[in-house]
Amino acid sequence: MKRLMVEHGLKEPEFSEEGDYFVVKFYGPGDKILDLVSDIPDERMTDLRELGLNNRQIEALKMMVNQKRYYTNSLYQEEFSVSRQTASRDLKDLVEKGQIYTIGKGRAIKYQSTNNPEA
């Protein structure tokens, strides 16, 4: 495991004893995760920073994809402590850039990742 992590440019795992427990800490690549995935075709890779997304939008996308979450305007406002107008602008921008889509209409509208379509 140590060798493989180092070969992939990651920090070696740490092994420790904490009370009655044996603990292993594995460190991930953080923001350099795409550097580890060399076999993704260029046409399928999207640099979210290059798209002009802000930190809130990137975090929301992570949660939509990884945790299969959806957002409403109200949930987005609450999650990121932003105004209704800012939430609307961020979500509309994500829709226009093809990263999320809408479900429903009006006040009941939900936003979901295009990588995680509703079943």
N, C-alpha and C. Protein backbone atom coordinates (compact mmCIF):
# COMPACT_ATOMS: atom_id res chain seq x y z
N MET A 1 0.82 -1.18 0.00
CA MET A 1 0.00 0.00 0.00
C MET A 1 0.88 1.25 0.00
N LYS A 2 1.91 1.24 0.84
CA LYS A 2 2.81 2.40 0.90
C LYS A 2 3.42 2.68 -0.47
N ARG A 3 3.92 1.63 -1.09
CA ARG A 3 4.56 1.78 -2.40
C ARG A 3 3.59 2.36 -3.43
N LEU A 4 2.40 1.82 -3.48
CA LEU A 4 1.41 2.28 -4.46
C LEU A 4 1.01 3.74 -4.23
N MET A 5 0.87 4.11 -2.97
CA MET A 5 0.50 5.51 -2.69
C MET A 5 1.61 6.45 -3.13
N VAL A 6 2.85 6.10 -2.84
CA VAL A 6 3.98 6.94 -3.25
C VAL A 6 4.08 6.99 -4.77
N GLU A 7 3.88 5.85 -5.44
CA GLU A 7 3.91 5.81 -6.91
C GLU A 7 2.87 6.74 -7.52
N HIS A 8 1.76 6.94 -6.82
CA HIS A 8 0.70 7.81 -7.32
C HIS A 8 0.80 9.23 -6.78
N GLY A 9 1.94 9.55 -6.19
CA GLY A 9 2.18 10.91 -5.73
C GLY A 9 1.46 11.28 -4.44
N LEU A 10 1.06 10.29 -3.69
CA LEU A 10 0.35 10.54 -2.43
C LEU A 10 1.29 10.34 -1.24
N LYS A 11 0.95 10.97 -0.15
CA LYS A 11 1.70 10.80 1.09
C LYS A 11 1.49 9.37 1.60
N GLU A 12 2.56 8.80 2.17
CA GLU A 12 2.44 7.45 2.73
C GLU A 12 1.39 7.42 3.83
N PRO A 13 0.73 6.28 4.01
CA PRO A 13 -0.24 6.20 5.11
C PRO A 13 0.48 6.26 6.46
N GLU A 14 -0.25 6.74 7.45
CA GLU A 14 0.31 6.80 8.81
C GLU A 14 -0.36 5.73 9.65
N PHE A 15 0.45 5.02 10.42
CA PHE A 15 -0.04 3.98 11.30
C PHE A 15 0.21 4.43 12.74
N SER A 16 -0.81 4.32 13.59
CA SER A 16 -0.62 4.71 14.99
C SER A 16 -1.54 3.89 15.88
N GLU A 17 -1.26 3.97 17.15
CA GLU A 17 -2.07 3.30 18.15
C GLU A 17 -2.69 4.38 19.02
N GLU A 18 -4.01 4.39 19.10
CA GLU A 18 -4.71 5.38 19.91
C GLU A 18 -5.59 4.63 20.90
N GLY A 19 -5.11 4.54 22.13
CA GLY A 19 -5.85 3.79 23.14
C GLY A 19 -5.89 2.33 22.76
N ASP A 20 -7.10 1.79 22.66
CA ASP A 20 -7.29 0.38 22.30
C ASP A 20 -7.43 0.17 20.80
N TYR A 21 -7.16 1.22 20.00
CA TYR A 21 -7.39 1.14 18.56
C TYR A 21 -6.10 1.27 17.77
N PHE A 22 -6.04 0.56 16.66
CA PHE A 22 -4.98 0.71 15.69
C PHE A 22 -5.55 1.58 14.59
N VAL A 23 -4.89 2.67 14.28
CA VAL A 23 -5.43 3.66 13.33
C VAL A 23 -4.51 3.76 12.12
N VAL A 24 -5.14 3.74 10.93
CA VAL A 24 -4.42 3.96 9.68
C VAL A 24 -5.03 5.18 9.01
N LYS A 25 -4.20 6.15 8.67
CA LYS A 25 -4.67 7.35 7.98
C LYS A 25 -4.14 7.32 6.55
N PHE A 26 -5.08 7.40 5.61
CA PHE A 26 -4.75 7.47 4.19
C PHE A 26 -5.00 8.90 3.72
N TYR A 27 -4.05 9.48 3.05
CA TYR A 27 -4.18 10.84 2.56
C TYR A 27 -4.52 10.83 1.09
N GLY A 28 -5.51 11.60 0.72
CA GLY A 28 -5.93 11.68 -0.67
C GLY A 28 -5.22 12.80 -1.41
N PRO A 29 -5.55 12.97 -2.68
CA PRO A 29 -4.88 13.96 -3.52
C PRO A 29 -5.40 15.38 -3.36
N GLY A 30 -6.52 15.56 -2.66
CA GLY A 30 -7.08 16.90 -2.51
C GLY A 30 -7.49 17.46 -3.86
N ASP A 31 -7.07 18.69 -4.16
CA ASP A 31 -7.44 19.34 -5.42
C ASP A 31 -6.74 18.75 -6.64
N LYS A 32 -5.78 17.86 -6.43
CA LYS A 32 -5.03 17.29 -7.55
C LYS A 32 -5.60 15.94 -7.97
N ILE A 33 -6.86 15.68 -7.66
CA ILE A 33 -7.44 14.36 -7.93
C ILE A 33 -7.43 14.00 -9.41
N LEU A 34 -7.63 14.97 -10.29
CA LEU A 34 -7.64 14.65 -11.72
C LEU A 34 -6.26 14.26 -12.22
N ASP A 35 -5.20 14.66 -11.51
CA ASP A 35 -3.85 14.26 -11.91
C ASP A 35 -3.66 12.75 -11.79
N LEU A 36 -4.45 12.09 -10.96
CA LEU A 36 -4.32 10.65 -10.74
C LEU A 36 -5.10 9.83 -11.74
N VAL A 37 -6.00 10.47 -12.47
CA VAL A 37 -6.87 9.74 -13.38
C VAL A 37 -6.49 10.09 -14.81
N SER A 38 -5.46 9.41 -15.28
CA SER A 38 -4.92 9.75 -16.59
C SER A 38 -5.71 9.14 -17.74
N ASP A 39 -6.58 8.17 -17.45
CA ASP A 39 -7.28 7.48 -18.54
C ASP A 39 -8.63 8.08 -18.88
N ILE A 40 -8.99 9.23 -18.30
CA ILE A 40 -10.24 9.90 -18.67
C ILE A 40 -9.99 10.65 -19.97
N PRO A 41 -10.78 10.38 -21.01
CA PRO A 41 -10.59 11.09 -22.27
C PRO A 41 -10.79 12.60 -22.07
N ASP A 42 -10.01 13.40 -22.80
CA ASP A 42 -10.09 14.86 -22.68
C ASP A 42 -11.51 15.38 -22.86
N GLU A 43 -12.26 14.78 -23.77
CA GLU A 43 -13.62 15.28 -24.03
C GLU A 43 -14.56 15.04 -22.85
N ARG A 44 -14.20 14.16 -21.93
CA ARG A 44 -15.05 13.90 -20.75
C ARG A 44 -14.58 14.66 -19.52
N MET A 45 -13.41 15.32 -19.59
CA MET A 45 -12.90 16.06 -18.44
C MET A 45 -13.41 17.50 -18.48
N THR A 46 -13.81 17.98 -17.33
CA THR A 46 -14.29 19.35 -17.21
C THR A 46 -13.54 20.03 -16.09
N ASP A 47 -12.86 21.11 -16.41
CA ASP A 47 -12.21 21.92 -15.39
C ASP A 47 -13.22 22.93 -14.90
N LEU A 48 -13.73 22.71 -13.70
CA LEU A 48 -14.79 23.56 -13.18
C LEU A 48 -14.34 25.00 -12.98
N ARG A 49 -13.07 25.20 -12.68
CA ARG A 49 -12.53 26.57 -12.55
C ARG A 49 -12.53 27.26 -13.91
N GLU A 50 -12.18 26.48 -14.95
CA GLU A 50 -12.16 27.03 -16.30
C GLU A 50 -13.56 27.44 -16.74
N LEU A 51 -14.57 26.74 -16.25
CA LEU A 51 -15.96 27.09 -16.56
C LEU A 51 -16.38 28.38 -15.86
N GLY A 52 -15.56 28.82 -14.90
CA GLY A 52 -15.88 30.05 -14.19
C GLY A 52 -16.76 29.83 -12.97
N LEU A 53 -16.79 28.59 -12.44
CA LEU A 53 -17.62 28.31 -11.27
C LEU A 53 -16.93 28.81 -10.01
N ASN A 54 -17.74 29.27 -9.06
CA ASN A 54 -17.19 29.72 -7.79
C ASN A 54 -17.14 28.54 -6.81
N ASN A 55 -16.54 28.77 -5.64
CA ASN A 55 -16.38 27.69 -4.65
C ASN A 55 -17.71 27.10 -4.21
N ARG A 56 -18.74 27.93 -4.06
CA ARG A 56 -20.06 27.42 -3.66
C ARG A 56 -20.59 26.46 -4.70
N GLN A 57 -20.51 26.85 -5.96
CA GLN A 57 -21.03 26.01 -7.04
C GLN A 57 -20.27 24.69 -7.12
N ILE A 58 -18.97 24.74 -6.96
CA ILE A 58 -18.16 23.51 -7.00
C ILE A 58 -18.52 22.60 -5.84
N GLU A 59 -18.66 23.17 -4.65
CA GLU A 59 -19.04 22.38 -3.47
C GLU A 59 -20.43 21.77 -3.65
N ALA A 60 -21.37 22.54 -4.17
CA ALA A 60 -22.73 22.04 -4.42
C ALA A 60 -22.69 20.87 -5.41
N LEU A 61 -21.91 21.01 -6.48
CA LEU A 61 -21.78 19.92 -7.45
C LEU A 61 -21.20 18.67 -6.82
N LYS A 62 -20.18 18.83 -5.96
CA LYS A 62 -19.60 17.68 -5.28
C LYS A 62 -20.67 16.94 -4.49
N MET A 63 -21.48 17.70 -3.76
CA MET A 63 -22.51 17.06 -2.94
C MET A 63 -23.59 16.41 -3.80
N MET A 64 -23.93 17.03 -4.91
CA MET A 64 -24.94 16.46 -5.81
C MET A 64 -24.46 15.15 -6.40
N VAL A 65 -23.19 15.10 -6.76
CA VAL A 65 -22.65 13.89 -7.39
C VAL A 65 -22.31 12.83 -6.35
N ASN A 66 -21.54 13.20 -5.34
CA ASN A 66 -21.05 12.22 -4.37
C ASN A 66 -22.09 11.76 -3.36
N GLN A 67 -22.98 12.65 -2.97
CA GLN A 67 -23.98 12.31 -1.96
C GLN A 67 -25.38 12.18 -2.55
N LYS A 68 -25.46 12.27 -3.86
CA LYS A 68 -26.74 12.17 -4.58
C LYS A 68 -27.78 13.17 -4.03
N ARG A 69 -27.30 14.36 -3.71
CA ARG A 69 -28.18 15.40 -3.17
C ARG A 69 -28.80 16.20 -4.29
N TYR A 70 -29.86 16.87 -3.97
CA TYR A 70 -30.45 17.87 -4.87
C TYR A 70 -30.52 19.15 -4.07
N TYR A 71 -30.72 20.26 -4.76
CA TYR A 71 -30.89 21.54 -4.09
C TYR A 71 -32.16 22.20 -4.55
N THR A 72 -32.75 22.95 -3.66
CA THR A 72 -33.76 23.94 -3.99
C THR A 72 -33.08 25.27 -3.73
N ASN A 73 -33.70 26.34 -4.15
CA ASN A 73 -33.12 27.65 -3.88
C ASN A 73 -32.96 27.83 -2.37
N SER A 74 -33.97 27.46 -1.60
CA SER A 74 -33.92 27.62 -0.14
C SER A 74 -32.80 26.79 0.49
N LEU A 75 -32.64 25.54 0.06
CA LEU A 75 -31.58 24.69 0.60
C LEU A 75 -30.20 25.26 0.27
N TYR A 76 -30.05 25.77 -0.93
CA TYR A 76 -28.78 26.37 -1.35
C TYR A 76 -28.47 27.60 -0.50
N GLN A 77 -29.50 28.43 -0.28
CA GLN A 77 -29.32 29.62 0.56
C GLN A 77 -28.84 29.23 1.95
N GLU A 78 -29.50 28.24 2.52
CA GLU A 78 -29.18 27.80 3.87
C GLU A 78 -27.78 27.18 3.94
N GLU A 79 -27.47 26.32 2.99
CA GLU A 79 -26.18 25.61 2.97
C GLU A 79 -24.99 26.56 2.85
N PHE A 80 -25.15 27.60 2.01
CA PHE A 80 -24.02 28.48 1.72
C PHE A 80 -24.17 29.90 2.28
N SER A 81 -25.20 30.12 3.09
CA SER A 81 -25.42 31.42 3.73
C SER A 81 -25.39 32.57 2.72
N VAL A 82 -26.22 32.43 1.70
CA VAL A 82 -26.30 33.45 0.66
C VAL A 82 -27.75 33.93 0.51
N SER A 83 -27.91 35.05 -0.17
CA SER A 83 -29.24 35.59 -0.41
C SER A 83 -29.97 34.76 -1.47
N ARG A 84 -31.27 34.97 -1.55
CA ARG A 84 -32.09 34.28 -2.55
C ARG A 84 -31.58 34.61 -3.96
N GLN A 85 -31.24 35.85 -4.18
CA GLN A 85 -30.76 36.30 -5.49
C GLN A 85 -29.44 35.61 -5.86
N THR A 86 -28.53 35.51 -4.91
CA THR A 86 -27.24 34.85 -5.16
C THR A 86 -27.45 33.36 -5.45
N ALA A 87 -28.31 32.71 -4.67
CA ALA A 87 -28.61 31.30 -4.89
C ALA A 87 -29.19 31.10 -6.29
N SER A 88 -30.14 31.96 -6.67
CA SER A 88 -30.76 31.86 -7.99
C SER A 88 -29.72 32.03 -9.09
N ARG A 89 -28.86 33.00 -8.93
CA ARG A 89 -27.82 33.27 -9.94
C ARG A 89 -26.85 32.09 -10.05
N ASP A 90 -26.39 31.54 -8.91
CA ASP A 90 -25.48 30.40 -8.93
C ASP A 90 -26.12 29.18 -9.59
N LEU A 91 -27.35 28.87 -9.20
CA LEU A 91 -28.02 27.69 -9.73
C LEU A 91 -28.34 27.85 -11.22
N LYS A 92 -28.78 29.04 -11.61
CA LYS A 92 -29.08 29.30 -13.03
C LYS A 92 -27.81 29.14 -13.87
N ASP A 93 -26.69 29.64 -13.34
CA ASP A 93 -25.41 29.53 -14.04
C ASP A 93 -25.01 28.05 -14.23
N LEU A 94 -25.22 27.23 -13.19
CA LEU A 94 -24.91 25.81 -13.30
C LEU A 94 -25.78 25.12 -14.35
N VAL A 95 -27.05 25.52 -14.43
CA VAL A 95 -27.95 24.97 -15.45
C VAL A 95 -27.47 25.37 -16.84
N GLU A 96 -27.16 26.65 -17.01
CA GLU A 96 -26.73 27.15 -18.32
C GLU A 96 -25.43 26.51 -18.78
N LYS A 97 -24.58 26.13 -17.83
CA LYS A 97 -23.30 25.51 -18.18
C LYS A 97 -23.41 23.99 -18.28
N GLY A 98 -24.63 23.47 -18.19
CA GLY A 98 -24.88 22.05 -18.40
C GLY A 98 -24.42 21.13 -17.28
N GLN A 99 -24.20 21.67 -16.09
CA GLN A 99 -23.73 20.85 -14.97
C GLN A 99 -24.88 20.29 -14.14
N ILE A 100 -26.02 20.97 -14.15
CA ILE A 100 -27.20 20.50 -13.42
C ILE A 100 -28.44 20.72 -14.29
N TYR A 101 -29.54 20.12 -13.89
CA TYR A 101 -30.80 20.33 -14.59
C TYR A 101 -31.90 20.53 -13.55
N THR A 102 -33.04 20.98 -14.02
CA THR A 102 -34.15 21.27 -13.11
C THR A 102 -35.20 20.17 -13.16
N ILE A 103 -35.86 20.02 -12.03
CA ILE A 103 -36.99 19.09 -11.91
C ILE A 103 -38.13 19.93 -11.33
N GLY A 104 -39.27 19.91 -11.97
CA GLY A 104 -40.41 20.67 -11.47
C GLY A 104 -40.42 22.10 -11.99
N LYS A 105 -41.32 22.88 -11.39
CA LYS A 105 -41.49 24.27 -11.82
C LYS A 105 -41.78 25.17 -10.64
N GLY A 106 -41.57 26.45 -10.87
CA GLY A 106 -41.92 27.46 -9.86
C GLY A 106 -41.21 27.26 -8.54
N ARG A 107 -41.95 27.44 -7.45
CA ARG A 107 -41.37 27.35 -6.11
C ARG A 107 -40.95 25.92 -5.75
N ALA A 108 -41.46 24.92 -6.47
CA ALA A 108 -41.14 23.53 -6.17
C ALA A 108 -39.94 23.02 -6.97
N ILE A 109 -39.25 23.90 -7.68
CA ILE A 109 -38.15 23.47 -8.55
C ILE A 109 -36.98 22.92 -7.73
N LYS A 110 -36.43 21.82 -8.24
CA LYS A 110 -35.26 21.19 -7.63
C LYS A 110 -34.16 21.17 -8.68
N TYR A 111 -32.92 21.18 -8.21
CA TYR A 111 -31.76 21.15 -9.08
C TYR A 111 -30.97 19.89 -8.80
N GLN A 112 -30.60 19.18 -9.85
CA GLN A 112 -29.89 17.91 -9.71
C GLN A 112 -28.73 17.85 -10.71
N SER A 113 -27.68 17.14 -10.34
CA SER A 113 -26.51 17.01 -11.20
C SER A 113 -26.85 16.19 -12.44
N THR A 114 -26.28 16.60 -13.56
CA THR A 114 -26.45 15.83 -14.81
C THR A 114 -25.70 14.51 -14.73
N ASN A 115 -24.76 14.38 -13.78
CA ASN A 115 -24.02 13.12 -13.58
C ASN A 115 -24.78 12.15 -12.68
N ASN A 116 -25.91 12.58 -12.18
CA ASN A 116 -26.64 11.78 -11.22
C ASN A 116 -28.14 11.91 -11.49
N PRO A 117 -28.61 11.49 -12.66
CA PRO A 117 -30.01 11.69 -13.01
C PRO A 117 -30.96 10.98 -12.05
N GLU A 118 -32.11 11.59 -11.91
CA GLU A 118 -33.16 11.05 -11.03
C GLU A 118 -33.62 9.71 -11.55
N ALA A 119 -33.79 8.79 -10.63
CA ALA A 119 -34.23 7.43 -11.03
C ALA A 119 -35.67 7.42 -11.45
